N, C-alpha and C. Protein backbone atom coordinates (compact mmCIF):
# COMPACT_ATOMS: atom_id res chain seq x y z
N UNK A 1 18.07 142.52 129.25
CA UNK A 1 18.70 140.98 128.42
C UNK A 1 19.96 141.39 129.54
N UNK A 2 20.13 139.51 130.78
CA UNK A 2 21.61 139.77 130.84
C UNK A 2 22.17 139.39 130.64
N UNK A 3 24.00 139.82 130.30
CA UNK A 3 24.73 139.22 129.62
C UNK A 3 25.95 138.36 130.99
N UNK A 4 25.66 136.49 130.27
CA UNK A 4 26.56 136.20 131.44
C UNK A 4 28.43 136.34 130.53
N UNK A 5 29.49 135.61 130.75
CA UNK A 5 30.29 135.09 130.39
C UNK A 5 30.83 133.86 130.34
N UNK A 6 31.11 133.18 129.31
CA UNK A 6 31.24 132.07 129.55
C UNK A 6 32.93 131.80 129.22
N UNK A 7 32.91 131.11 130.79
CA UNK A 7 34.70 130.83 130.56
C UNK A 7 35.11 130.70 132.16
N UNK A 8 36.00 130.08 132.44
CA UNK A 8 36.30 129.98 133.56
C UNK A 8 37.93 130.36 133.99
N UNK A 9 38.50 131.55 133.27
CA UNK A 9 39.13 132.57 132.49
C UNK A 9 38.91 133.83 133.52
N UNK A 10 39.89 133.50 134.89
CA UNK A 10 39.72 134.66 135.75
C UNK A 10 39.93 135.75 135.54
N UNK A 11 40.88 136.38 134.36
CA UNK A 11 41.22 137.02 133.83
C UNK A 11 40.27 137.64 132.87
N UNK A 12 39.52 136.94 132.23
CA UNK A 12 38.59 137.38 131.45
C UNK A 12 36.99 137.48 131.95
N UNK A 13 36.86 136.80 133.31
CA UNK A 13 35.45 137.67 133.90
C UNK A 13 36.17 139.00 134.55
N UNK A 14 37.24 138.84 135.09
CA UNK A 14 37.39 140.46 135.77
C UNK A 14 37.09 141.53 134.87
N UNK A 15 37.95 141.32 133.45
CA UNK A 15 37.71 142.60 132.61
C UNK A 15 36.19 142.52 132.35
N UNK A 16 35.93 141.48 132.22
CA UNK A 16 33.62 141.73 131.40
C UNK A 16 33.35 142.08 133.21
N UNK A 17 33.88 141.69 134.45
CA UNK A 17 33.86 142.92 135.30
C UNK A 17 33.35 144.01 135.34
N UNK A 18 34.45 144.65 135.28
CA UNK A 18 35.23 146.17 134.59
C UNK A 18 34.53 146.94 133.77
N UNK A 19 34.17 146.47 132.14
CA UNK A 19 33.40 146.27 131.80
C UNK A 19 32.46 147.47 131.97
N UNK A 20 31.45 146.43 132.57
CA UNK A 20 30.66 147.15 133.53
C UNK A 20 29.57 146.28 133.04
N UNK A 21 28.95 145.25 132.22
CA UNK A 21 27.41 144.74 131.83
C UNK A 21 27.35 143.44 131.93
N UNK A 22 28.30 142.87 132.83
CA UNK A 22 28.56 141.42 133.59
C UNK A 22 27.49 141.34 134.15
N UNK A 23 26.75 140.21 134.12
CA UNK A 23 25.80 140.26 135.01
C UNK A 23 25.76 138.23 135.31
N UNK A 24 26.52 137.86 135.18
CA UNK A 24 27.20 136.43 135.39
C UNK A 24 28.01 135.66 134.96
N UNK A 25 27.82 134.69 135.25
CA UNK A 25 29.14 133.67 134.65
C UNK A 25 28.63 131.60 134.49
N UNK A 26 28.98 131.82 133.15
CA UNK A 26 28.28 129.81 133.30
C UNK A 26 30.03 129.15 132.86
N UNK A 27 30.70 128.39 133.49
CA UNK A 27 31.11 127.40 133.30
C UNK A 27 30.95 125.53 133.30
N UNK A 28 31.79 125.17 132.60
CA UNK A 28 31.87 123.15 132.58
C UNK A 28 32.73 123.03 132.69
N UNK A 29 33.19 121.56 132.73
CA UNK A 29 34.27 120.83 132.59
C UNK A 29 34.88 120.94 132.00
N UNK A 30 34.50 121.54 130.29
CA UNK A 30 35.82 121.91 129.30
C UNK A 30 36.27 123.21 129.97
N UNK A 31 35.61 123.77 129.86
CA UNK A 31 35.97 125.21 130.55
C UNK A 31 37.03 125.22 131.62
N UNK A 32 36.70 125.09 132.42
CA UNK A 32 37.47 124.19 133.53
C UNK A 32 38.89 123.88 133.55
N UNK A 33 38.89 122.68 132.08
CA UNK A 33 40.08 122.13 132.04
C UNK A 33 40.65 122.36 131.13
N UNK A 34 39.96 123.38 130.49
CA UNK A 34 40.89 124.52 129.74
C UNK A 34 42.16 125.44 130.18
N UNK A 35 41.46 125.49 131.64
CA UNK A 35 42.24 126.48 132.49
C UNK A 35 42.90 125.65 133.05
N UNK A 36 43.10 124.46 133.33
CA UNK A 36 43.82 123.60 133.54
C UNK A 36 43.51 123.23 135.42
N UNK A 37 42.12 123.22 135.39
CA UNK A 37 42.10 123.43 136.65
C UNK A 37 41.21 122.05 137.14
N UNK A 38 41.77 121.07 138.42
CA UNK A 38 41.24 119.72 137.98
C UNK A 38 41.43 119.46 139.39
N UNK A 39 40.52 118.46 140.21
CA UNK A 39 40.67 117.75 141.84
C UNK A 39 39.15 118.59 142.34
N UNK A 40 38.95 118.24 142.32
CA UNK A 40 37.63 118.45 143.60
C UNK A 40 38.04 120.32 144.41
N UNK A 41 38.96 119.61 145.14
CA UNK A 41 39.54 121.04 145.90
C UNK A 41 39.83 122.22 145.22
N UNK A 42 40.84 122.00 143.63
CA UNK A 42 41.21 123.04 143.23
C UNK A 42 39.76 123.74 142.77
N UNK A 43 39.20 122.20 142.11
CA UNK A 43 37.61 123.43 141.03
C UNK A 43 36.99 124.02 142.23
N UNK A 44 36.46 123.50 143.50
CA UNK A 44 35.65 124.35 144.20
C UNK A 44 36.19 125.62 144.35
N UNK A 45 38.15 125.52 144.44
CA UNK A 45 38.42 126.73 145.06
C UNK A 45 38.31 128.16 143.44
N UNK A 46 38.24 127.15 142.77
CA UNK A 46 38.12 128.21 141.38
C UNK A 46 36.80 128.67 141.29
N UNK A 47 35.67 128.35 141.47
CA UNK A 47 33.96 128.30 142.19
C UNK A 47 33.97 129.68 143.23
N UNK A 48 34.96 129.76 143.64
CA UNK A 48 34.92 130.20 144.76
C UNK A 48 35.68 131.78 144.40
N UNK A 49 36.90 131.99 143.55
CA UNK A 49 37.64 133.05 142.92
C UNK A 49 36.39 133.35 141.64
N UNK A 50 35.60 132.83 141.55
CA UNK A 50 34.40 133.34 140.39
C UNK A 50 33.75 134.09 140.79
N UNK A 51 33.19 133.57 141.96
CA UNK A 51 31.99 133.89 143.13
C UNK A 51 32.44 135.37 143.33
N UNK A 52 33.76 135.48 143.80
CA UNK A 52 34.43 136.61 144.65
C UNK A 52 34.60 138.12 143.44
N UNK A 53 34.54 137.66 142.05
CA UNK A 53 34.68 138.50 141.01
C UNK A 53 33.21 139.45 140.90
N UNK A 54 32.18 138.43 140.40
CA UNK A 54 31.28 138.76 140.04
C UNK A 54 29.79 138.67 140.84
N UNK A 55 29.02 139.86 140.83
CA UNK A 55 27.56 140.48 141.37
C UNK A 55 26.92 139.11 141.58
N UNK A 56 26.62 138.49 140.04
CA UNK A 56 25.21 137.72 139.99
C UNK A 56 25.71 135.91 139.87
N UNK A 57 24.95 135.53 139.36
CA UNK A 57 25.27 134.12 138.70
C UNK A 57 26.18 133.29 139.00
N UNK A 58 26.88 132.40 139.49
CA UNK A 58 27.72 131.40 138.54
C UNK A 58 27.10 129.86 138.77
N UNK A 59 27.16 129.31 137.35
CA UNK A 59 26.99 128.11 136.86
C UNK A 59 27.88 127.60 136.91
N UNK A 60 27.66 126.69 137.91
CA UNK A 60 28.58 124.97 138.40
C UNK A 60 27.86 123.59 138.16
N UNK A 61 28.63 123.31 136.68
CA UNK A 61 28.43 122.02 136.68
C UNK A 61 28.64 120.63 137.38
N UNK A 62 27.53 119.64 137.71
CA UNK A 62 27.73 118.62 138.23
C UNK A 62 28.48 117.37 137.01
N UNK A 63 29.38 116.44 137.75
CA UNK A 63 29.96 115.85 136.79
C UNK A 63 29.41 114.44 136.54
N UNK A 64 28.55 114.32 137.54
CA UNK A 64 27.71 113.05 137.84
C UNK A 64 26.51 112.69 136.61
N UNK A 65 26.56 111.54 136.47
CA UNK A 65 25.01 111.11 135.72
C UNK A 65 24.42 110.57 136.13
N UNK A 66 24.33 110.01 137.02
CA UNK A 66 23.50 109.50 138.04
C UNK A 66 22.26 110.04 138.97
N UNK A 67 21.16 110.06 139.44
CA UNK A 67 20.42 110.97 140.39
C UNK A 67 21.08 111.32 141.28
N UNK A 68 21.60 110.57 142.33
CA UNK A 68 22.23 110.23 143.70
C UNK A 68 23.88 111.30 143.22
N UNK A 69 24.23 110.91 142.69
CA UNK A 69 25.91 111.66 142.39
C UNK A 69 25.54 113.16 141.96
N UNK A 70 24.23 113.13 141.40
CA UNK A 70 23.73 114.89 140.61
C UNK A 70 23.17 115.49 142.61
N UNK A 71 22.60 115.13 143.08
CA UNK A 71 22.40 115.38 144.30
C UNK A 71 23.49 115.84 145.16
N UNK A 72 24.12 114.91 145.58
CA UNK A 72 25.28 115.40 146.03
C UNK A 72 26.10 115.96 145.90
N UNK A 73 26.81 115.93 144.76
CA UNK A 73 27.57 116.92 143.85
C UNK A 73 27.20 118.67 144.21
N UNK A 74 25.98 118.33 143.68
CA UNK A 74 24.99 119.39 143.45
C UNK A 74 24.84 120.34 144.99
N UNK A 75 24.58 119.67 145.69
CA UNK A 75 24.27 120.17 147.29
C UNK A 75 25.83 120.62 147.27
N UNK A 76 27.06 119.69 147.05
CA UNK A 76 28.16 120.34 147.68
C UNK A 76 28.77 121.75 146.70
N UNK A 77 28.14 121.98 145.74
CA UNK A 77 28.27 123.02 145.02
C UNK A 77 27.48 124.41 145.88
N UNK A 78 26.18 124.50 145.88
CA UNK A 78 25.41 125.31 146.23
C UNK A 78 25.48 125.96 147.01
N UNK A 79 26.32 124.76 148.41
CA UNK A 79 26.82 125.52 149.19
C UNK A 79 28.18 125.86 149.16
N UNK A 80 28.92 126.14 148.01
CA UNK A 80 29.79 127.16 148.48
C UNK A 80 29.88 128.56 148.61
N UNK A 81 28.87 128.99 148.03
CA UNK A 81 28.42 130.18 147.74
C UNK A 81 26.87 130.48 147.56
N UNK A 82 25.68 131.68 148.11
CA UNK A 82 24.56 132.03 147.29
C UNK A 82 24.64 132.19 145.77
N UNK A 83 25.45 132.62 145.53
CA UNK A 83 25.99 132.96 143.61
C UNK A 83 26.13 131.79 142.95
N UNK A 84 26.11 130.29 143.68
CA UNK A 84 26.32 129.34 143.17
C UNK A 84 25.20 128.84 142.21
N UNK A 85 24.88 128.92 140.83
CA UNK A 85 23.35 127.65 140.51
C UNK A 85 24.34 125.92 140.14
N UNK A 86 23.28 125.92 140.33
CA UNK A 86 23.68 124.22 139.85
C UNK A 86 23.68 123.53 138.07
N UNK A 87 24.59 123.41 137.35
CA UNK A 87 24.46 122.99 136.14
C UNK A 87 24.11 122.02 135.96
N UNK A 88 22.95 121.27 135.37
CA UNK A 88 22.83 119.87 135.51
C UNK A 88 22.53 119.41 133.67
N UNK A 89 22.75 118.11 133.76
CA UNK A 89 22.46 118.08 132.25
C UNK A 89 20.64 117.45 131.87
N UNK A 90 20.29 117.39 130.27
CA UNK A 90 19.50 117.55 130.08
C UNK A 90 18.73 116.02 130.07
N UNK A 91 18.68 115.12 131.16
CA UNK A 91 18.59 113.89 131.02
C UNK A 91 17.44 113.53 131.77
N UNK A 92 17.37 112.41 132.23
CA UNK A 92 15.62 112.18 132.53
C UNK A 92 16.23 112.29 134.38
N UNK A 93 17.57 111.27 134.68
CA UNK A 93 17.70 111.88 135.97
C UNK A 93 18.30 112.90 136.00
N UNK A 94 18.76 114.05 135.29
CA UNK A 94 18.94 115.18 135.63
C UNK A 94 17.24 116.31 135.66
N UNK A 95 16.49 115.90 134.82
CA UNK A 95 14.97 116.40 134.93
C UNK A 95 14.91 115.75 136.96
N UNK A 96 14.58 114.77 137.37
CA UNK A 96 14.58 114.94 138.54
C UNK A 96 15.28 115.14 139.85
N UNK A 97 16.82 115.41 139.10
CA UNK A 97 17.65 116.51 140.50
C UNK A 97 17.22 117.80 140.33
N UNK A 98 16.69 118.98 139.06
CA UNK A 98 16.36 119.81 139.23
C UNK A 98 14.78 119.76 139.78
N UNK A 99 14.08 118.62 140.31
CA UNK A 99 12.32 118.83 140.75
C UNK A 99 13.22 119.10 142.02
N UNK A 100 14.05 118.37 142.98
CA UNK A 100 14.46 117.55 143.84
C UNK A 100 15.12 119.11 144.44
N UNK A 101 16.24 119.94 143.84
CA UNK A 101 17.10 120.77 143.91
C UNK A 101 15.77 122.61 144.18
N UNK A 102 14.93 121.60 143.34
CA UNK A 102 13.76 123.27 143.32
C UNK A 102 13.19 123.16 144.57
N UNK A 103 12.24 122.05 145.30
CA UNK A 103 12.04 122.28 146.47
C UNK A 103 12.92 122.27 147.53
N UNK A 104 14.56 122.40 147.06
CA UNK A 104 15.38 122.96 147.92
C UNK A 104 15.61 124.06 148.39
N UNK A 105 15.02 124.66 146.95
CA UNK A 105 15.79 126.15 147.06
C UNK A 105 16.68 126.35 146.36
N UNK A 106 17.06 125.38 145.64
CA UNK A 106 18.77 125.59 144.65
C UNK A 106 18.30 126.16 143.64
N UNK A 107 19.47 127.25 142.85
CA UNK A 107 19.20 127.24 141.52
C UNK A 107 19.51 126.29 140.71
N UNK A 108 19.06 126.43 139.74
CA UNK A 108 19.41 124.94 138.66
C UNK A 108 19.61 125.87 137.35
N UNK A 109 20.49 125.60 136.69
CA UNK A 109 20.62 125.56 135.07
C UNK A 109 20.55 124.47 134.21
N UNK A 110 19.73 124.04 133.65
CA UNK A 110 18.87 122.87 132.68
C UNK A 110 20.17 122.86 131.53
N UNK A 111 21.09 122.03 131.31
CA UNK A 111 22.12 122.75 130.20
C UNK A 111 21.82 121.43 129.07
N UNK A 112 22.51 121.60 128.07
CA UNK A 112 22.84 120.98 127.08
C UNK A 112 21.12 120.44 126.67
N UNK A 113 20.47 122.16 126.06
CA UNK A 113 19.02 121.57 125.48
C UNK A 113 18.85 121.86 124.04
N UNK A 114 18.58 121.63 123.22
CA UNK A 114 18.47 121.54 122.13
C UNK A 114 17.18 120.98 121.15
N UNK A 115 15.54 121.09 122.43
CA UNK A 115 14.47 121.05 121.80
C UNK A 115 13.35 122.17 122.57
N UNK A 116 12.17 122.75 122.03
CA UNK A 116 11.29 123.05 122.77
C UNK A 116 10.55 122.17 123.95
N UNK A 117 10.92 120.63 123.71
CA UNK A 117 10.24 119.72 124.45
C UNK A 117 10.98 119.66 125.63
N UNK A 118 12.55 119.71 125.44
CA UNK A 118 13.25 119.58 126.59
C UNK A 118 13.18 120.75 127.28
N UNK A 119 13.26 122.18 126.42
CA UNK A 119 12.92 123.36 127.30
C UNK A 119 11.76 122.86 128.36
N UNK A 120 10.11 122.74 128.07
CA UNK A 120 9.57 122.48 128.39
C UNK A 120 9.54 121.62 129.98
N UNK A 121 10.04 120.63 129.89
CA UNK A 121 10.42 119.50 130.82
C UNK A 121 11.30 120.16 131.53
N UNK A 122 12.31 120.90 131.90
CA UNK A 122 13.03 121.64 132.42
C UNK A 122 12.51 122.53 133.51
N UNK A 123 11.44 123.90 132.69
CA UNK A 123 10.23 124.60 133.39
C UNK A 123 9.32 123.79 133.85
N UNK A 124 8.87 122.37 133.99
CA UNK A 124 8.10 122.00 134.29
C UNK A 124 8.34 121.48 135.43
N UNK A 125 9.78 121.21 135.97
CA UNK A 125 10.40 120.66 136.92
C UNK A 125 11.26 121.79 137.60
N UNK A 126 11.32 122.80 137.34
CA UNK A 126 11.58 124.31 138.17
C UNK A 126 12.62 124.53 138.05
N UNK A 127 13.26 124.30 136.82
CA UNK A 127 14.70 124.87 136.88
C UNK A 127 14.78 126.71 136.58
N UNK A 128 15.91 126.76 137.45
CA UNK A 128 16.32 128.54 137.15
C UNK A 128 16.46 128.80 135.79
N UNK A 129 16.92 128.47 134.97
CA UNK A 129 17.14 128.48 133.93
C UNK A 129 17.50 127.20 133.10
N UNK A 130 17.10 127.89 131.52
CA UNK A 130 17.26 126.54 130.62
C UNK A 130 18.37 127.33 129.32
N UNK A 131 19.49 125.98 129.05
CA UNK A 131 20.03 126.61 128.43
C UNK A 131 20.06 126.03 127.14
N UNK A 132 19.54 126.50 125.78
CA UNK A 132 19.60 126.03 124.39
C UNK A 132 20.63 126.29 124.00
N UNK A 133 21.34 125.27 123.34
CA UNK A 133 22.50 125.86 122.86
C UNK A 133 22.49 126.12 121.20
N UNK A 134 22.33 127.65 120.56
CA UNK A 134 22.02 128.08 119.70
C UNK A 134 23.49 127.81 118.31
N UNK A 135 24.01 127.70 119.06
CA UNK A 135 25.50 127.78 117.82
C UNK A 135 25.73 126.50 117.33
N UNK A 136 25.80 125.43 118.71
CA UNK A 136 25.80 124.01 118.04
C UNK A 136 24.74 123.28 116.83
N UNK A 137 22.95 123.98 117.04
CA UNK A 137 22.08 123.85 116.34
C UNK A 137 22.31 124.21 115.09
N UNK A 138 23.08 125.69 115.05
CA UNK A 138 23.50 126.66 113.51
C UNK A 138 24.85 125.05 113.27
N UNK A 139 25.54 125.25 113.49
CA UNK A 139 26.16 124.10 112.85
C UNK A 139 25.66 122.53 112.12
N UNK A 140 24.79 122.50 112.96
CA UNK A 140 23.88 121.10 111.85
C UNK A 140 22.92 121.31 111.06
N UNK A 141 22.70 123.14 110.79
CA UNK A 141 21.88 123.68 109.78
C UNK A 141 20.64 123.42 110.43
N UNK A 142 20.42 123.53 111.49
CA UNK A 142 19.30 123.89 112.64
C UNK A 142 18.78 125.61 112.84
N UNK A 143 18.44 126.06 112.87
CA UNK A 143 17.72 127.69 113.17
C UNK A 143 17.99 127.54 114.88
N UNK A 144 19.12 128.01 115.62
CA UNK A 144 19.40 128.09 116.72
C UNK A 144 18.58 129.21 117.18
N UNK A 145 18.45 130.09 116.40
CA UNK A 145 17.75 131.49 117.17
C UNK A 145 15.99 130.90 116.88
N UNK A 146 15.69 130.51 116.13
CA UNK A 146 14.24 129.31 115.93
C UNK A 146 13.60 128.83 117.24
N UNK A 147 14.50 128.42 117.69
CA UNK A 147 14.62 127.45 118.72
C UNK A 147 14.23 128.67 119.98
N UNK A 148 15.11 129.52 120.27
CA UNK A 148 14.79 130.32 121.12
C UNK A 148 12.99 131.18 121.39
N UNK A 149 13.26 131.41 119.80
CA UNK A 149 11.63 131.83 119.47
C UNK A 149 10.25 130.91 120.18
N UNK A 150 11.16 129.29 120.03
CA UNK A 150 10.10 128.10 119.97
C UNK A 150 9.79 129.06 121.68
N UNK A 151 11.15 128.15 122.31
CA UNK A 151 10.90 128.27 123.77
C UNK A 151 10.21 129.73 124.55
N UNK A 152 10.22 130.41 124.07
CA UNK A 152 10.19 131.68 124.58
C UNK A 152 8.33 131.93 124.20
N UNK A 153 7.93 131.65 123.20
CA UNK A 153 6.05 131.52 123.11
C UNK A 153 5.65 129.92 124.00
N UNK A 154 6.44 129.55 123.94
CA UNK A 154 5.81 128.27 124.72
C UNK A 154 5.92 128.74 126.61
N UNK A 155 6.78 129.10 126.91
CA UNK A 155 7.11 129.94 128.45
C UNK A 155 6.05 130.92 128.59
N UNK A 156 5.88 132.39 127.59
CA UNK A 156 5.11 132.91 127.62
C UNK A 156 3.53 132.48 127.75
N UNK A 157 2.77 131.37 126.91
CA UNK A 157 2.04 130.47 126.82
C UNK A 157 1.30 130.26 128.61
N UNK A 158 2.10 130.02 129.74
CA UNK A 158 1.91 129.31 130.73
C UNK A 158 2.71 129.89 131.89
N UNK A 159 2.86 131.37 131.67
CA UNK A 159 3.94 132.14 133.09
C UNK A 159 5.12 131.08 133.51
N UNK A 160 5.86 130.30 132.73
CA UNK A 160 7.00 129.73 133.64
C UNK A 160 7.81 131.18 133.93
N UNK A 161 8.66 130.70 134.76
CA UNK A 161 9.25 131.60 135.64
C UNK A 161 11.11 131.31 135.28
N UNK A 162 11.17 130.02 134.60
CA UNK A 162 12.36 129.52 133.97
C UNK A 162 13.28 130.84 133.26
N UNK A 163 13.99 130.86 133.30
CA UNK A 163 14.41 131.79 132.21
C UNK A 163 15.41 131.44 131.36
N UNK A 164 15.24 132.04 129.83
CA UNK A 164 16.08 131.92 128.80
C UNK A 164 17.53 131.89 128.74
N UNK A 165 18.69 130.83 129.14
CA UNK A 165 19.47 131.43 128.84
C UNK A 165 20.50 130.74 127.54
N UNK A 166 20.50 131.65 126.86
CA UNK A 166 20.78 131.35 124.91
C UNK A 166 22.36 130.84 125.35
N UNK A 167 22.70 129.70 125.31
CA UNK A 167 23.88 129.41 125.18
C UNK A 167 24.65 128.64 123.82
N UNK A 168 25.97 129.05 123.93
CA UNK A 168 26.50 128.59 122.34
C UNK A 168 26.28 129.89 121.75
N UNK A 169 26.27 131.10 122.42
CA UNK A 169 26.10 132.36 121.29
C UNK A 169 27.83 132.48 121.11
N UNK A 170 27.40 132.98 119.94
CA UNK A 170 29.38 132.72 119.12
C UNK A 170 29.46 134.56 118.83
N UNK A 171 28.67 135.44 118.35
CA UNK A 171 28.98 136.54 118.14
C UNK A 171 27.88 137.42 117.81
N UNK A 172 28.05 138.87 117.60
CA UNK A 172 27.22 140.11 117.73
C UNK A 172 25.71 139.28 117.21
N UNK A 173 25.27 139.29 115.87
CA UNK A 173 24.23 138.68 115.57
C UNK A 173 23.54 137.77 116.65
N UNK A 174 24.01 136.48 116.99
CA UNK A 174 23.34 136.01 117.68
C UNK A 174 23.13 137.02 119.24
N UNK A 175 23.26 137.45 119.93
CA UNK A 175 22.88 138.71 120.77
C UNK A 175 22.09 139.10 120.65
N UNK A 176 21.88 140.16 119.25
CA UNK A 176 21.10 140.64 118.85
C UNK A 176 19.81 140.00 118.41
N UNK A 177 19.94 138.82 117.94
CA UNK A 177 19.03 138.08 117.49
C UNK A 177 18.15 137.81 118.78
N UNK A 178 18.94 137.40 119.89
CA UNK A 178 17.98 136.98 121.61
C UNK A 178 17.49 137.96 122.09
N UNK A 179 18.67 139.07 121.84
CA UNK A 179 17.28 140.21 122.41
C UNK A 179 16.18 140.76 121.80
N UNK A 180 16.54 140.46 120.38
CA UNK A 180 14.81 140.74 119.80
C UNK A 180 13.30 139.77 119.93
N UNK A 181 13.85 138.78 120.35
CA UNK A 181 13.20 137.36 120.68
C UNK A 181 12.79 137.54 121.69
N UNK A 182 13.88 138.18 122.97
CA UNK A 182 13.08 137.98 124.03
C UNK A 182 13.91 137.20 125.50
N UNK A 183 14.86 136.71 124.90
CA UNK A 183 16.20 135.71 125.24
C UNK A 183 16.26 136.38 126.93
N UNK A 184 16.11 135.75 127.99
CA UNK A 184 16.01 136.78 129.56
C UNK A 184 17.93 136.56 129.70
N UNK A 185 18.74 135.73 129.03
CA UNK A 185 19.88 135.73 129.46
C UNK A 185 20.89 135.57 127.90
N UNK A 186 21.93 135.71 128.02
CA UNK A 186 22.74 135.18 126.74
C UNK A 186 24.02 134.59 127.47
N UNK A 187 25.11 134.27 126.88
CA UNK A 187 26.02 133.68 127.63
C UNK A 187 27.20 133.42 126.39
N UNK A 188 28.37 134.18 126.53
CA UNK A 188 29.34 133.88 125.18
C UNK A 188 30.35 134.49 125.88
N UNK A 189 31.43 133.97 124.78
CA UNK A 189 33.21 134.92 125.12
C UNK A 189 32.72 136.32 125.40
N UNK A 190 33.45 136.54 126.17
CA UNK A 190 33.71 137.71 126.18
C UNK A 190 33.89 138.93 124.72
N UNK A 191 34.94 138.19 123.88
CA UNK A 191 34.77 138.93 122.10
C UNK A 191 33.53 139.01 122.03
N UNK A 192 32.49 138.01 121.92
CA UNK A 192 31.17 138.70 121.34
C UNK A 192 30.52 139.45 122.15
N UNK A 193 30.66 139.58 123.33
CA UNK A 193 30.23 141.05 123.91
C UNK A 193 30.50 142.11 123.46
N UNK A 194 31.80 142.11 123.71
CA UNK A 194 32.85 143.59 123.10
C UNK A 194 32.52 144.13 121.22
N UNK A 195 32.36 142.65 120.90
CA UNK A 195 31.96 142.92 119.38
C UNK A 195 30.91 143.64 118.81
N UNK A 196 29.77 144.10 119.73
CA UNK A 196 28.74 145.28 120.45
C UNK A 196 29.37 146.28 120.09
N UNK A 197 30.16 146.88 120.01
CA UNK A 197 31.22 147.94 120.79
C UNK A 197 31.21 148.32 119.21
N UNK A 198 31.76 147.81 118.17
CA UNK A 198 32.61 148.19 116.84
C UNK A 198 31.42 148.32 115.80
N UNK A 199 31.95 149.82 114.96
CA UNK A 199 31.16 149.97 113.91
C UNK A 199 32.45 151.01 113.67
N UNK A 200 32.13 150.85 111.97
CA UNK A 200 32.96 151.65 111.40
C UNK A 200 32.71 152.81 111.60
N UNK A 201 31.78 153.36 111.49
CA UNK A 201 31.10 154.48 111.29
C UNK A 201 31.56 155.53 112.86
N UNK A 202 31.34 154.87 114.11
CA UNK A 202 32.19 155.48 115.12
C UNK A 202 33.28 155.04 114.98
N UNK A 203 34.15 154.75 114.40
CA UNK A 203 35.28 155.03 114.42
C UNK A 203 36.08 155.85 113.92
N UNK A 204 35.42 155.78 112.32
CA UNK A 204 35.62 156.84 111.25
C UNK A 204 34.92 158.27 112.16
N UNK A 205 33.67 158.32 112.48
CA UNK A 205 33.42 159.61 113.48
C UNK A 205 34.32 159.94 114.54
N UNK A 206 34.40 159.31 115.62
CA UNK A 206 36.07 159.39 116.26
C UNK A 206 37.15 160.15 115.83
N UNK A 207 37.29 159.70 114.99
CA UNK A 207 38.93 159.99 114.54
C UNK A 207 38.30 161.27 113.75
N UNK A 208 37.32 161.72 113.09
CA UNK A 208 37.48 163.11 112.46
C UNK A 208 37.33 164.44 113.68
N UNK A 209 36.49 163.82 115.02
CA UNK A 209 36.09 164.50 115.75
C UNK A 209 37.31 164.96 116.50
N UNK A 210 38.31 164.06 116.83
CA UNK A 210 39.82 164.20 117.09
C UNK A 210 40.50 164.98 116.00
N UNK A 211 40.17 164.95 115.30
CA UNK A 211 41.60 165.64 114.08
C UNK A 211 40.91 166.80 114.26
N UNK A 212 39.56 167.49 113.89
CA UNK A 212 38.90 168.88 114.09
C UNK A 212 39.98 169.41 115.32
N UNK A 213 39.61 168.45 116.34
CA UNK A 213 39.59 169.15 117.62
C UNK A 213 41.40 169.59 117.39
N UNK A 214 42.59 168.30 116.99
CA UNK A 214 43.67 168.96 117.16
C UNK A 214 43.44 170.38 115.99
N UNK A 215 42.89 170.48 114.69
CA UNK A 215 42.93 171.36 114.46
C UNK A 215 42.70 172.80 114.74
N UNK A 216 41.98 173.16 115.47
CA UNK A 216 41.64 174.52 116.42
C UNK A 216 42.60 174.50 117.44
N UNK A 217 43.50 173.38 118.16
CA UNK A 217 44.22 173.68 119.17
C UNK A 217 45.39 173.65 118.75
N UNK A 218 46.11 173.91 117.11
CA UNK A 218 47.47 174.44 116.51
C UNK A 218 47.29 175.27 116.50
N UNK A 219 45.70 176.01 115.84
CA UNK A 219 45.71 177.36 114.98
C UNK A 219 45.72 178.27 116.80
N UNK A 220 44.82 177.69 117.59
CA UNK A 220 45.18 178.26 118.55
C UNK A 220 46.77 178.54 119.59
N UNK A 221 47.56 178.03 118.85
CA UNK A 221 48.90 177.56 119.77
C UNK A 221 50.21 179.17 118.88
């Protein structure tokens, strides 16, 4: 399973890259705004800065909601760097745009997916990634991991190459659940990935090892 980080913060992206398990980055207009990035030229430069840090795919979202606008923005984004994946919303025009980009060999990420039917349409259109938002489903008392399981079954039934990119992943339980089901990718804040490191027995065991080592070292001095 690939680990993507869901942020536009260059410091967090660099930290995740240095950690050694980062496979890519996802962004959206909200994350860009959070970093104070606005204006077409600044946004494009920021995407290039992200691409310079990571080795894998970088999802860059279109702002347009109409077909022609998505095509125009998507082609501009894709021309920035071969790592760019054009992020397109799950709408009728979005599906049309994904089909267009697929024929052009441009990678796409279909975002704001909340049902298996939507994921099926994205795969039929040739999306590279489909992004079901599991945390937001959990917020309305719908089983987000259950959706991942449904999509996995459908894609396996028909051999779709579209990768399941679990989004709105908020904690280690989400990550492990996705791994058990067979999601191809998770995208989350860096904190959720780092939480996989933690276990009280690891901490207490390490403390004991270090205490024992110090005791022996002190006895030999």
